[in-house]
Amino acid sequence: MKKNIKYFMMAAVALLSMSACNNEMDEQDPANNGKLQPVQFQMSFASTRTTTGDETAGRATTWKAGDAIGIFAYPAGSTTNAVATNFKYILGNDGNWTATGSEIYPDQALDYYAYYPYQDGITDPAAINVAALTDQSKTDESSYAASDILASKTSNVAAGNGKVTLAFSHMFAMVEVKVQGDLITQKPTKVELLGVKLNAELNLTATTPVATQKADATAQDVTMFCLENPNADSKVYSFRAAVPAQEIAASTPLVRIYAPDAASKTYTMQHTAAVSYNAGQFRQMIVNIGSKRVALIIPASDTSINPWTPSDAINGDGSEVVPQLITPLSGNLTEIIIGKDAMANATEGWYKALRKTDESNVIFSVTDDASTTWGKVANLTYTSTWDETTKKAINNSYYIAAINYLHKTPLDISKSTIYKLTAKIKSSANELSKNGALVFMVRCATFDASFLVTANVDNFNEANFNNVNQGTTVGKTPKTADTWEEAVIYVNLNKKSSTNGSINSADIATKVTDTTADDYAGFDLRIYTNSPATTDIQSVIAAISVSDITIEPYIASAQ
């Protein structure tokens, strides 16, 4: 009986019964000159595909024609003098398992070891390298099936007994993510299981077969398989993956859901408690994406499945991981020449943005500072000089030399079009007897305009917007030299201007325009200083430092 992939399937039962085609395997075969017949295997249930059924189907794992297993056989009680070493058996369309090469003749009591899926070249049943795939999303479920490692051990089968029953068990854990909620408008484009280690060693000869995670395995993300949803109107979707047994630390990202709502937002979920994925058990995680809150629930199962057994519920709170739109400093700043093409083609990260390579008046550095959360500080020192010919200061600006961060993914404006930027700032006193100012500018992803920014979020209120001066830069001057202070700046993702600096309220209608999705498909943050020299003080050195920068949606407090 075929077990179709259906909606809400979470776990699997894999029980493979292999029996001889003849009723009495200890009978001699006259056509074979009285010798024992080889062992032949046949499924005791209908063979359809290596797949996991849904709840109504008992979540049973069945087989697909073409599936291949490897079988080892040893004299009973021994793991030497093998009778069969990795003999390959394939399931045919007729439901029978057929050896592709040598067959097994049970002329003595034997111990049998078997595994799925088959691998060439395996010689030691106690040390089989197995791994889950990073992409288990193939619609025919083949990549998931290849990751669902099965193993069986049957001991002391009597000589001449060709009726051998091999009960297969799941060596890995199965994780299912169920996505639901009133904000769900479409099937997610992708769901990833995050930070899992995929490599293990399978030991078939242990007391009970076991797959042990490899010590040198590195954490990776797995693209999960989407289960068939027979009722598209329900807007509830389930995804699954098979991975080696392991535990994910508390407050670590667990799963990421891509574009399940009208805003095509990406949701990353975590839990306050450690989450275990146990061999032979299924772990369900329910992600509720609703208008009131986004939550992660990890329930216990209300049914027992063999060999997939339910995992216990995990107490605690699951929540959405607020995206870190700015990655902490970790090394030196990479040089980038300011320009649309160069910056559009650059990867996300920190840069020292320069008008030209040989910009001589500026020094950049990254230094350690244990008093900051990042432990790293970006520094910029600019020397402004006086030009006697032009009678003007040679000074800095956003297009000359700036500490720069390029963010390369779209910003979510579904909850707010105003973002809040927070930073630790510091500057030194200069020759003008004042502390250097830090100037903040947030350029659009199109690199041809800047978002409006302000230190007073009330300036962006609809009632005030056209009645106060706006601007594309905010200057922050620390009150005390060489002392960390916090700076807060608000960014209006709904408005932009090509003007650099202040915009008079009378000019807003002509100099400020609405943004499009292309503008907030990322951002270009620039931080610089510009303390100009004067005719009296013809060299002014301004030194600024920044660290611990965050940017996140601003949600006004309820009045």
Protein backbone atom coordinates (compact mmCIF):
# COMPACT_ATOMS: atom_id res chain seq x y z
CA MET A 1 0.00 0.00 0.00
CA LYS A 2 1.56 3.26 -1.10
CA LYS A 3 2.25 5.86 1.57
CA ASN A 4 1.98 9.27 -0.11
CA ILE A 5 3.73 12.36 1.24
CA LYS A 6 1.05 14.38 2.94
CA TYR A 7 0.57 17.53 4.94
CA PHE A 8 1.84 17.73 8.53
CA MET A 9 4.02 14.66 8.36
CA MET A 10 6.65 14.80 11.04
CA ALA A 11 8.14 11.45 11.78
CA ALA A 12 8.72 8.02 10.43
CA VAL A 13 8.54 4.36 11.20
CA ALA A 14 10.99 2.21 9.31
CA LEU A 15 10.48 -1.52 9.72
CA LEU A 16 11.93 -3.69 7.01
CA SER A 17 10.98 -7.35 7.10
CA MET A 18 13.06 -9.47 4.84
CA SER A 19 12.01 -13.04 4.20
CA ALA A 20 13.00 -15.86 1.93
CA CYS A 21 11.00 -16.40 -1.25
CA ASN A 22 10.70 -20.14 -0.50
CA ASN A 23 8.67 -21.26 2.51
CA GLU A 24 11.29 -23.66 3.84
CA MET A 25 14.79 -22.25 3.36
CA ASP A 26 16.34 -25.26 5.05
CA GLU A 27 15.05 -27.45 2.24
CA GLN A 28 17.58 -28.47 -0.35
CA ASP A 29 17.09 -27.37 -3.95
CA PRO A 30 17.15 -30.37 -6.33
CA ALA A 31 17.90 -28.08 -9.24
CA ASN A 32 20.93 -26.84 -7.33
CA ASN A 33 22.38 -30.33 -6.78
CA GLY A 34 21.11 -30.48 -3.21
CA LYS A 35 22.93 -27.34 -2.08
CA LEU A 36 21.36 -24.62 0.06
CA GLN A 37 19.55 -21.87 -1.77
CA PRO A 38 20.92 -18.34 -1.38
CA VAL A 39 19.08 -16.02 0.95
CA GLN A 40 16.57 -13.88 -0.89
CA PHE A 41 14.84 -10.87 0.60
CA GLN A 42 11.34 -9.60 0.08
CA MET A 43 9.45 -6.76 1.71
CA SER A 44 6.59 -7.85 3.88
CA PHE A 45 4.62 -4.69 2.96
CA ALA A 46 3.99 -2.89 -0.31
CA SER A 47 7.13 -1.21 -1.62
CA THR A 48 6.60 2.27 -2.88
CA ARG A 49 9.25 4.79 -1.84
CA THR A 50 11.69 5.70 0.90
CA THR A 51 9.37 8.26 2.40
CA THR A 52 7.57 9.16 5.57
CA GLY A 53 3.78 9.03 5.67
CA ASP A 54 1.57 11.51 7.44
CA GLU A 55 -0.37 11.12 10.69
CA THR A 56 -3.23 9.20 9.11
CA ALA A 57 -0.77 6.79 7.51
CA GLY A 58 0.89 6.11 10.85
CA ARG A 59 3.94 8.08 9.77
CA ALA A 60 5.34 4.89 8.26
CA THR A 61 8.56 4.86 6.28
CA THR A 62 8.30 2.79 3.14
CA TRP A 63 10.61 2.02 0.25
CA LYS A 64 11.03 2.95 -3.37
CA ALA A 65 12.04 0.69 -6.22
CA GLY A 66 15.74 1.24 -6.81
CA ASP A 67 16.61 1.74 -3.14
CA ALA A 68 19.83 -0.06 -2.22
CA ILE A 69 21.09 -1.43 1.09
CA GLY A 70 24.43 -2.88 2.15
CA ILE A 71 24.56 -6.16 4.09
CA PHE A 72 27.36 -7.72 6.13
CA ALA A 73 27.25 -11.27 7.50
CA TYR A 74 29.63 -12.89 9.98
CA PRO A 75 29.75 -16.24 11.77
CA ALA A 76 27.53 -15.86 14.84
CA GLY A 77 29.36 -14.14 17.70
CA SER A 78 32.30 -13.03 15.54
CA THR A 79 33.28 -10.00 13.52
CA THR A 80 36.06 -11.77 11.63
CA ASN A 81 36.01 -14.14 8.67
CA ALA A 82 33.17 -12.29 6.98
CA VAL A 83 30.72 -14.32 4.95
CA ALA A 84 29.42 -11.14 3.25
CA THR A 85 31.10 -7.76 3.08
CA ASN A 86 28.87 -4.91 1.96
CA PHE A 87 26.80 -7.06 -0.38
CA LYS A 88 24.50 -4.75 -2.30
CA TYR A 89 20.79 -5.53 -2.54
CA ILE A 90 18.40 -3.44 -4.66
CA LEU A 91 14.62 -3.30 -4.42
CA GLY A 92 12.97 -4.15 -7.72
CA ASN A 93 9.62 -3.09 -9.13
CA ASP A 94 8.30 -6.52 -8.14
CA GLY A 95 8.94 -5.83 -4.46
CA ASN A 96 11.86 -8.24 -4.16
CA TRP A 97 15.36 -7.41 -2.96
CA THR A 98 17.98 -8.76 -5.33
CA ALA A 99 21.73 -9.04 -4.87
CA THR A 100 23.71 -7.21 -7.53
CA GLY A 101 26.69 -9.51 -7.07
CA SER A 102 27.50 -12.35 -4.72
CA GLU A 103 24.72 -13.83 -2.62
CA ILE A 104 24.66 -15.15 0.94
CA TYR A 105 24.44 -18.92 1.60
CA PRO A 106 23.44 -19.66 5.22
CA ASP A 107 25.55 -22.77 5.77
CA GLN A 108 26.27 -21.72 9.36
CA ALA A 109 24.71 -19.56 12.06
CA LEU A 110 25.19 -15.92 11.07
CA ASP A 111 25.00 -12.37 12.45
CA TYR A 112 23.59 -9.91 9.91
CA TYR A 113 24.26 -6.16 9.76
CA ALA A 114 22.59 -3.87 7.24
CA TYR A 115 22.42 -0.15 6.48
CA TYR A 116 20.80 2.35 4.11
CA PRO A 117 21.62 4.10 1.84
CA TYR A 118 24.24 1.90 0.21
CA GLN A 119 27.81 3.14 -0.30
CA ASP A 120 30.54 1.63 -2.46
CA GLY A 121 33.81 0.63 -0.88
CA ILE A 122 32.65 0.02 2.69
CA THR A 123 34.67 -2.76 4.35
CA ASP A 124 34.25 -2.15 8.09
CA PRO A 125 30.70 -2.28 9.49
CA ALA A 126 31.94 -0.63 12.69
CA ALA A 127 33.18 2.55 10.96
CA ILE A 128 30.95 3.78 8.13
CA ASN A 129 31.15 7.49 7.33
CA VAL A 130 27.65 8.89 6.94
CA ALA A 131 26.34 12.43 6.54
CA ALA A 132 23.16 14.39 6.09
CA LEU A 133 22.93 16.61 3.01
CA THR A 134 22.93 20.39 3.25
CA ASP A 135 20.16 20.55 0.64
CA GLN A 136 17.30 18.18 1.45
CA SER A 137 14.72 20.14 -0.51
CA LYS A 138 14.35 18.04 -3.67
CA THR A 139 10.65 17.71 -4.41
CA ASP A 140 10.87 13.94 -4.94
CA GLU A 141 12.18 13.66 -1.35
CA SER A 142 15.28 11.83 -2.57
CA SER A 143 17.71 14.21 -0.83
CA TYR A 144 15.86 13.84 2.45
CA ALA A 145 15.77 10.05 2.05
CA ALA A 146 19.51 9.98 1.40
CA SER A 147 19.99 11.79 4.72
CA ASP A 148 17.75 9.43 6.71
CA ILE A 149 20.37 6.84 7.73
CA LEU A 150 18.85 3.44 8.61
CA ALA A 151 20.56 0.48 10.27
CA SER A 152 19.73 -3.06 11.35
CA LYS A 153 21.37 -5.82 13.36
CA THR A 154 20.08 -9.40 13.65
CA SER A 155 22.15 -11.90 15.61
CA ASN A 156 22.56 -15.66 15.62
CA VAL A 157 20.33 -16.66 12.72
CA ALA A 158 20.46 -20.44 12.56
CA ALA A 159 22.29 -22.26 9.79
CA GLY A 160 20.08 -23.05 6.85
CA ASN A 161 17.52 -20.44 7.92
CA GLY A 162 16.95 -18.13 5.00
CA LYS A 163 13.98 -16.45 6.61
CA VAL A 164 15.77 -13.44 8.05
CA THR A 165 13.97 -10.49 9.58
CA LEU A 166 15.91 -7.23 9.66
CA ALA A 167 14.29 -4.41 11.65
CA PHE A 168 15.72 -1.09 10.53
CA SER A 169 15.94 1.90 12.89
CA HIS A 170 16.62 5.57 12.24
CA MET A 171 20.16 6.55 13.21
CA PHE A 172 19.59 10.31 12.87
CA ALA A 173 17.00 12.68 14.27
CA MET A 174 14.18 14.13 12.21
CA VAL A 175 13.28 17.80 12.64
CA GLU A 176 10.03 19.25 11.36
CA VAL A 177 9.20 22.94 11.19
CA LYS A 178 5.55 23.89 10.92
CA VAL A 179 4.93 27.46 9.72
CA GLN A 180 1.54 29.04 10.47
CA GLY A 181 -0.10 32.28 11.56
CA ASP A 182 -2.37 35.04 10.31
CA LEU A 183 0.46 36.84 8.49
CA ILE A 184 1.23 33.83 6.29
CA THR A 185 0.17 34.61 2.73
CA GLN A 186 2.26 32.19 0.70
CA LYS A 187 4.46 29.14 0.85
CA PRO A 188 7.90 30.16 2.17
CA THR A 189 10.48 30.19 -0.59
CA LYS A 190 12.86 28.30 1.69
CA VAL A 191 13.19 27.09 5.28
CA GLU A 192 16.61 26.40 6.78
CA LEU A 193 17.57 24.39 9.84
CA LEU A 194 20.47 26.36 11.26
CA GLY A 195 23.84 25.51 12.76
CA VAL A 196 23.70 21.70 12.63
CA LYS A 197 26.62 19.29 12.32
CA LEU A 198 26.06 16.78 9.55
CA ASN A 199 28.90 14.22 9.69
CA ALA A 200 28.83 11.03 11.77
CA GLU A 201 30.33 7.54 11.98
CA LEU A 202 27.94 4.58 11.88
CA ASN A 203 28.80 1.49 13.95
CA LEU A 204 26.62 -1.47 12.99
CA THR A 205 28.38 -3.91 15.33
CA ALA A 206 27.68 -2.00 18.55
CA THR A 207 25.23 -3.57 21.00
CA THR A 208 22.66 -1.39 19.26
CA PRO A 209 23.73 0.26 15.98
CA VAL A 210 24.62 3.89 16.56
CA ALA A 211 25.75 6.92 14.54
CA THR A 212 28.15 9.11 16.52
CA GLN A 213 28.71 12.71 15.49
CA LYS A 214 32.26 13.34 14.31
CA ALA A 215 34.36 15.52 16.60
CA ASP A 216 35.65 17.61 13.69
CA ALA A 217 32.22 18.19 12.14
CA THR A 218 31.45 21.86 11.43
CA ALA A 219 28.04 23.47 11.85
CA GLN A 220 26.14 24.13 8.63
CA ASP A 221 22.66 25.21 7.54
CA VAL A 222 20.29 22.70 5.95
CA THR A 223 17.64 23.57 3.38
CA MET A 224 14.60 21.57 4.46
CA PHE A 225 12.16 19.50 2.40
CA CYS A 226 8.66 20.99 2.01
CA LEU A 227 5.84 18.51 2.59
CA GLU A 228 2.91 18.37 0.24
CA ASN A 229 0.03 20.57 1.36
CA PRO A 230 -3.27 19.24 -0.02
CA ASN A 231 -5.16 22.29 1.22
CA ALA A 232 -3.44 25.37 -0.19
CA ASP A 233 -6.07 27.65 1.35
CA SER A 234 -4.92 26.72 4.85
CA LYS A 235 -1.63 28.64 4.50
CA VAL A 236 0.07 26.22 6.87
CA TYR A 237 3.30 24.64 5.67
CA SER A 238 5.56 21.93 7.07
CA PHE A 239 9.23 21.28 6.35
CA ARG A 240 11.59 18.57 7.53
CA ALA A 241 15.22 17.46 7.61
CA ALA A 242 17.18 14.49 8.97
CA VAL A 243 20.36 15.30 10.91
CA PRO A 244 22.72 13.50 13.33
CA ALA A 245 21.85 13.59 17.03
CA GLN A 246 23.06 16.79 18.71
CA GLU A 247 22.07 19.63 21.01
CA ILE A 248 21.74 23.26 20.00
CA ALA A 249 22.64 25.75 22.74
CA ALA A 250 20.02 28.02 24.28
CA SER A 251 19.35 31.36 22.55
CA THR A 252 21.03 30.14 19.37
CA PRO A 253 19.28 30.62 16.00
CA LEU A 254 17.43 27.39 15.18
CA VAL A 255 15.46 27.95 12.00
CA ARG A 256 15.08 30.60 9.29
CA ILE A 257 11.92 31.08 7.22
CA TYR A 258 12.15 33.00 3.96
CA ALA A 259 9.33 35.14 2.54
CA PRO A 260 6.18 33.57 4.06
CA ASP A 261 4.29 36.89 4.16
CA ALA A 262 3.28 39.76 1.91
CA ALA A 263 6.39 41.73 2.92
CA SER A 264 8.65 38.79 1.90
CA LYS A 265 10.37 39.10 5.26
CA THR A 266 12.92 36.59 6.54
CA TYR A 267 12.26 35.29 10.05
CA THR A 268 14.98 33.74 12.22
CA MET A 269 13.83 31.93 15.35
CA GLN A 270 15.56 30.94 18.58
CA HIS A 271 14.60 29.41 21.96
CA THR A 272 15.55 30.29 25.53
CA ALA A 273 16.38 26.65 26.33
CA ALA A 274 18.80 24.22 24.70
CA VAL A 275 17.12 22.14 21.99
CA SER A 276 18.06 18.49 21.50
CA TYR A 277 17.76 16.46 18.32
CA ASN A 278 17.84 12.82 19.44
CA ALA A 279 18.57 9.75 17.32
CA GLY A 280 15.40 7.92 16.32
CA GLN A 281 13.19 10.76 17.54
CA PHE A 282 11.35 13.54 15.76
CA ARG A 283 11.52 17.11 16.96
CA GLN A 284 8.70 19.42 15.91
CA MET A 285 9.01 23.20 16.03
CA ILE A 286 5.94 25.34 15.38
CA VAL A 287 6.58 28.88 14.16
CA ASN A 288 3.58 31.17 14.59
CA ILE A 289 3.93 34.30 12.48
CA GLY A 290 1.07 36.50 13.60
CA SER A 291 0.18 40.16 13.58
CA LYS A 292 0.48 40.36 17.37
CA ARG A 293 3.68 38.41 17.83
CA VAL A 294 6.08 35.99 16.21
CA ALA A 295 6.68 32.94 18.39
CA LEU A 296 8.38 29.55 18.38
CA ILE A 297 6.78 26.61 20.21
CA ILE A 298 8.44 23.25 20.78
CA PRO A 299 5.76 20.76 21.86
CA ALA A 300 5.87 17.12 22.88
CA SER A 301 4.18 14.63 20.57
CA ASP A 302 0.92 13.04 21.66
CA THR A 303 1.65 9.75 19.98
CA SER A 304 4.34 7.12 20.12
CA ILE A 305 5.91 5.94 16.91
CA ASN A 306 8.31 3.07 16.40
CA PRO A 307 11.13 3.62 15.66
CA TRP A 308 10.58 7.38 15.37
CA THR A 309 9.75 8.22 18.98
CA PRO A 310 8.44 11.58 20.20
CA SER A 311 10.76 14.10 21.80
CA ASP A 312 9.84 15.73 25.09
CA ALA A 313 8.50 19.26 25.14
CA ILE A 314 11.05 21.98 25.87
CA ASN A 315 10.00 24.58 28.43
CA GLY A 316 10.91 28.20 27.85
CA ASP A 317 10.17 30.89 25.33
CA GLY A 318 10.83 30.87 21.63
CA SER A 319 11.19 34.15 19.83
CA GLU A 320 12.21 35.82 16.63
CA VAL A 321 15.88 36.71 16.37
CA VAL A 322 16.16 40.43 15.69
CA PRO A 323 18.38 40.64 12.60
CA GLN A 324 21.81 42.10 13.21
CA LEU A 325 22.00 44.57 10.35
CA ILE A 326 25.55 45.57 11.24
CA THR A 327 28.19 42.91 11.85
CA PRO A 328 30.62 43.72 14.69
CA LEU A 329 34.14 44.75 13.76
CA SER A 330 36.54 41.83 13.72
CA GLY A 331 39.57 42.98 11.76
CA ASN A 332 41.03 45.79 9.71
CA LEU A 333 38.94 47.98 7.43
CA THR A 334 39.07 47.05 3.75
CA GLU A 335 39.77 49.90 1.34
CA ILE A 336 37.02 50.79 -1.12
CA ILE A 337 37.04 53.69 -3.59
CA ILE A 338 33.81 55.62 -3.28
CA GLY A 339 31.63 55.11 -6.34
CA LYS A 340 28.34 53.49 -7.29
CA ASP A 341 29.79 50.54 -9.21
CA ALA A 342 32.45 49.63 -6.67
CA MET A 343 30.09 49.84 -3.73
CA ALA A 344 27.25 48.02 -5.50
CA ASN A 345 29.58 45.11 -6.31
CA ALA A 346 31.20 44.95 -2.87
CA THR A 347 30.18 42.36 -0.29
CA GLU A 348 28.62 43.23 3.05
CA GLY A 349 31.03 44.48 5.68
CA TRP A 350 33.26 47.23 7.03
CA TYR A 351 35.34 49.47 4.77
CA LYS A 352 37.52 52.55 4.77
CA ALA A 353 35.81 54.52 2.03
CA LEU A 354 38.10 56.87 0.11
CA ARG A 355 37.74 59.29 -2.79
CA LYS A 356 41.09 58.04 -4.11
CA THR A 357 43.76 55.59 -3.03
CA ASP A 358 46.38 58.22 -2.20
CA GLU A 359 44.12 60.38 0.01
CA SER A 360 46.94 61.81 2.15
CA ASN A 361 45.12 63.64 4.94
CA VAL A 362 43.46 60.63 6.57
CA ILE A 363 44.48 57.70 8.77
CA PHE A 364 42.21 54.71 9.51
CA SER A 365 42.76 52.03 12.14
CA VAL A 366 40.99 49.33 14.13
CA THR A 367 42.07 48.93 17.75
CA ASP A 368 41.15 46.71 20.69
CA ASP A 369 39.03 48.14 23.49
CA ALA A 370 37.72 45.86 26.24
CA SER A 371 35.29 48.54 27.44
CA THR A 372 33.19 48.06 24.32
CA THR A 373 30.85 45.16 23.63
CA TRP A 374 32.57 44.48 20.32
CA GLY A 375 36.03 44.66 21.84
CA LYS A 376 37.05 46.52 18.66
CA VAL A 377 36.99 50.20 17.70
CA ALA A 378 37.10 51.88 14.27
CA ASN A 379 39.17 55.06 14.26
CA LEU A 380 39.49 57.89 11.73
CA THR A 381 41.90 60.80 11.97
CA TYR A 382 41.61 63.61 9.41
CA THR A 383 43.95 66.60 9.14
CA SER A 384 42.31 69.69 7.70
CA THR A 385 44.70 72.31 6.27
CA TRP A 386 44.33 75.89 5.08
CA ASP A 387 44.90 76.66 1.38
CA GLU A 388 46.36 80.16 1.08
CA THR A 389 45.67 80.26 -2.65
CA THR A 390 41.95 79.60 -2.42
CA LYS A 391 41.61 80.99 1.09
CA LYS A 392 39.62 77.89 1.99
CA ALA A 393 40.09 74.90 4.23
CA ILE A 394 40.92 71.56 2.66
CA ASN A 395 38.38 69.57 4.60
CA ASN A 396 36.71 66.19 4.77
CA SER A 397 33.26 65.07 3.60
CA TYR A 398 31.24 61.88 3.06
CA TYR A 399 32.72 61.45 -0.43
CA ILE A 400 36.37 61.94 0.63
CA ALA A 401 37.12 59.69 3.64
CA ALA A 402 34.66 57.85 5.87
CA ILE A 403 34.31 54.80 8.07
CA ASN A 404 31.86 52.78 5.99
CA TYR A 405 29.51 49.84 6.46
CA LEU A 406 27.69 48.30 3.50
CA HIS A 407 24.54 46.31 4.28
CA LYS A 408 23.42 44.17 1.36
CA THR A 409 19.96 42.75 2.13
CA PRO A 410 16.53 44.43 2.08
CA LEU A 411 15.28 46.20 5.19
CA ASP A 412 11.91 45.19 6.60
CA ILE A 413 9.51 48.15 6.73
CA SER A 414 6.38 46.11 7.59
CA LYS A 415 6.47 47.27 11.23
CA SER A 416 8.14 50.66 10.89
CA THR A 417 9.68 52.88 8.23
CA ILE A 418 11.82 54.54 10.91
CA TYR A 419 14.99 52.79 12.06
CA LYS A 420 17.00 53.63 15.16
CA LEU A 421 20.81 53.71 14.96
CA THR A 422 22.72 53.52 18.24
CA ALA A 423 26.50 53.86 18.55
CA LYS A 424 29.28 54.40 21.02
CA ILE A 425 31.22 57.49 19.98
CA LYS A 426 34.39 59.20 21.13
CA SER A 427 36.62 62.05 19.91
CA SER A 428 39.69 63.96 20.96
CA ALA A 429 40.10 67.69 21.52
CA ASN A 430 41.67 69.42 18.52
CA GLU A 431 43.59 72.61 17.82
CA LEU A 432 40.33 74.57 17.81
CA SER A 433 39.98 73.71 21.51
CA LYS A 434 36.90 71.62 20.98
CA ASN A 435 36.12 67.96 20.56
CA GLY A 436 35.86 66.66 17.03
CA ALA A 437 32.38 66.04 15.67
CA LEU A 438 31.21 62.73 14.21
CA VAL A 439 28.95 63.08 11.18
CA PHE A 440 26.52 60.24 10.34
CA MET A 441 25.00 59.70 6.90
CA VAL A 442 22.98 56.69 5.68
CA ARG A 443 22.99 56.39 1.90
CA CYS A 444 20.37 54.46 -0.06
CA ALA A 445 21.18 51.12 -1.68
CA THR A 446 20.95 52.86 -5.05
CA PHE A 447 23.99 54.98 -4.02
CA ASP A 448 22.47 58.12 -5.60
CA ALA A 449 20.74 59.66 -2.58
CA SER A 450 20.61 59.53 1.21
CA PHE A 451 17.83 58.71 3.66
CA LEU A 452 16.66 61.54 5.86
CA VAL A 453 18.18 61.32 9.34
CA THR A 454 17.58 63.19 12.60
CA ALA A 455 18.50 63.19 16.27
CA ASN A 456 14.87 64.02 17.17
CA VAL A 457 12.44 61.38 15.99
CA ASP A 458 9.51 63.76 16.40
CA ASN A 459 10.79 65.59 13.30
CA PHE A 460 9.49 62.65 11.27
CA ASN A 461 5.95 62.85 12.65
CA GLU A 462 3.47 63.63 9.94
CA ALA A 463 2.30 66.77 11.76
CA ASN A 464 5.84 68.14 12.03
CA PHE A 465 7.55 66.88 8.92
CA ASN A 466 6.98 69.82 6.58
CA ASN A 467 7.33 72.43 9.30
CA VAL A 468 10.84 71.70 10.53
CA ASN A 469 14.19 71.52 8.83
CA GLN A 470 15.16 68.03 7.68
CA GLY A 471 18.53 66.70 6.63
CA THR A 472 20.68 63.84 5.36
CA THR A 473 23.41 64.18 8.01
CA VAL A 474 23.48 64.29 11.80
CA GLY A 475 26.49 65.66 13.66
CA LYS A 476 27.34 64.38 17.14
CA THR A 477 30.00 66.09 19.28
CA PRO A 478 30.96 64.23 22.48
CA LYS A 479 30.76 66.40 25.57
CA THR A 480 33.95 65.05 27.12
CA ALA A 481 37.14 64.37 25.20
CA ASP A 482 38.36 60.77 24.92
CA THR A 483 35.31 59.41 26.75
CA TRP A 484 32.73 57.04 25.34
CA GLU A 485 29.22 58.40 24.93
CA GLU A 486 26.09 56.99 23.32
CA ALA A 487 24.69 58.54 20.17
CA VAL A 488 21.17 57.85 18.86
CA ILE A 489 20.09 58.74 15.32
CA TYR A 490 16.82 58.01 13.51
CA VAL A 491 16.69 57.02 9.85
CA ASN A 492 13.60 57.59 7.71
CA LEU A 493 13.48 54.80 5.13
CA ASN A 494 10.44 56.40 3.52
CA LYS A 495 12.16 59.65 2.51
CA LYS A 496 15.37 60.46 0.62
CA SER A 497 17.25 63.41 -0.83
CA SER A 498 20.33 64.02 -2.95
CA THR A 499 21.13 67.08 -0.82
CA ASN A 500 24.11 66.77 1.51
CA GLY A 501 23.32 68.19 4.94
CA SER A 502 20.45 70.37 6.13
CA ILE A 503 17.25 70.91 4.11
CA ASN A 504 15.21 74.00 4.92
CA SER A 505 11.54 73.31 5.58
CA ALA A 506 10.64 75.56 2.65
CA ASP A 507 12.62 73.30 0.31
CA ILE A 508 11.27 69.93 1.45
CA ALA A 509 8.70 69.71 -1.34
CA THR A 510 11.38 70.06 -4.03
CA LYS A 511 14.38 68.38 -2.39
CA VAL A 512 12.78 65.39 -0.64
CA THR A 513 11.14 62.46 -2.41
CA ASP A 514 9.61 59.13 -1.42
CA THR A 515 11.79 56.04 -1.51
CA THR A 516 11.16 52.79 -3.37
CA ALA A 517 12.03 49.20 -2.48
CA ASP A 518 15.26 49.58 -4.46
CA ASP A 519 16.40 52.31 -2.06
CA TYR A 520 16.02 50.21 1.10
CA ALA A 521 17.32 47.00 -0.48
CA GLY A 522 20.33 47.73 1.73
CA PHE A 523 22.17 50.77 3.05
CA ASP A 524 25.53 52.54 2.96
CA LEU A 525 26.47 53.95 6.38
CA ARG A 526 29.23 56.57 6.43
CA ILE A 527 30.78 58.12 9.52
CA TYR A 528 33.33 60.92 9.14
CA THR A 529 34.62 64.10 10.76
CA ASN A 530 35.08 67.61 9.37
CA SER A 531 36.69 70.12 11.71
CA PRO A 532 37.94 72.71 9.17
CA ALA A 533 41.18 74.62 9.49
CA THR A 534 41.07 78.41 9.63
CA THR A 535 43.29 81.24 8.50
CA ASP A 536 44.56 81.49 12.08
CA ILE A 537 44.85 77.75 12.80
CA GLN A 538 45.94 76.30 9.49
CA SER A 539 46.18 72.65 10.56
CA VAL A 540 43.42 70.94 12.57
CA ILE A 541 43.64 67.27 13.45
CA ALA A 542 40.29 65.66 14.23
CA ALA A 543 40.24 62.11 15.65
CA ILE A 544 37.03 60.11 16.07
CA SER A 545 36.21 56.57 17.20
CA VAL A 546 33.06 54.41 16.93
CA SER A 547 31.99 51.01 18.20
CA ASP A 548 28.96 48.90 19.18
CA ILE A 549 26.77 50.18 16.34
CA THR A 550 23.28 48.73 15.98
CA ILE A 551 20.39 49.61 13.71
CA GLU A 552 16.88 48.27 14.17
CA PRO A 553 13.23 49.17 13.53
CA TYR A 554 12.00 51.97 15.78
CA ILE A 555 8.66 51.28 17.42
CA ALA A 556 7.26 54.30 19.24
CA SER A 557 6.15 53.66 22.82
CA ALA A 558 2.41 53.66 23.41
CA GLN A 559 1.22 56.92 24.94
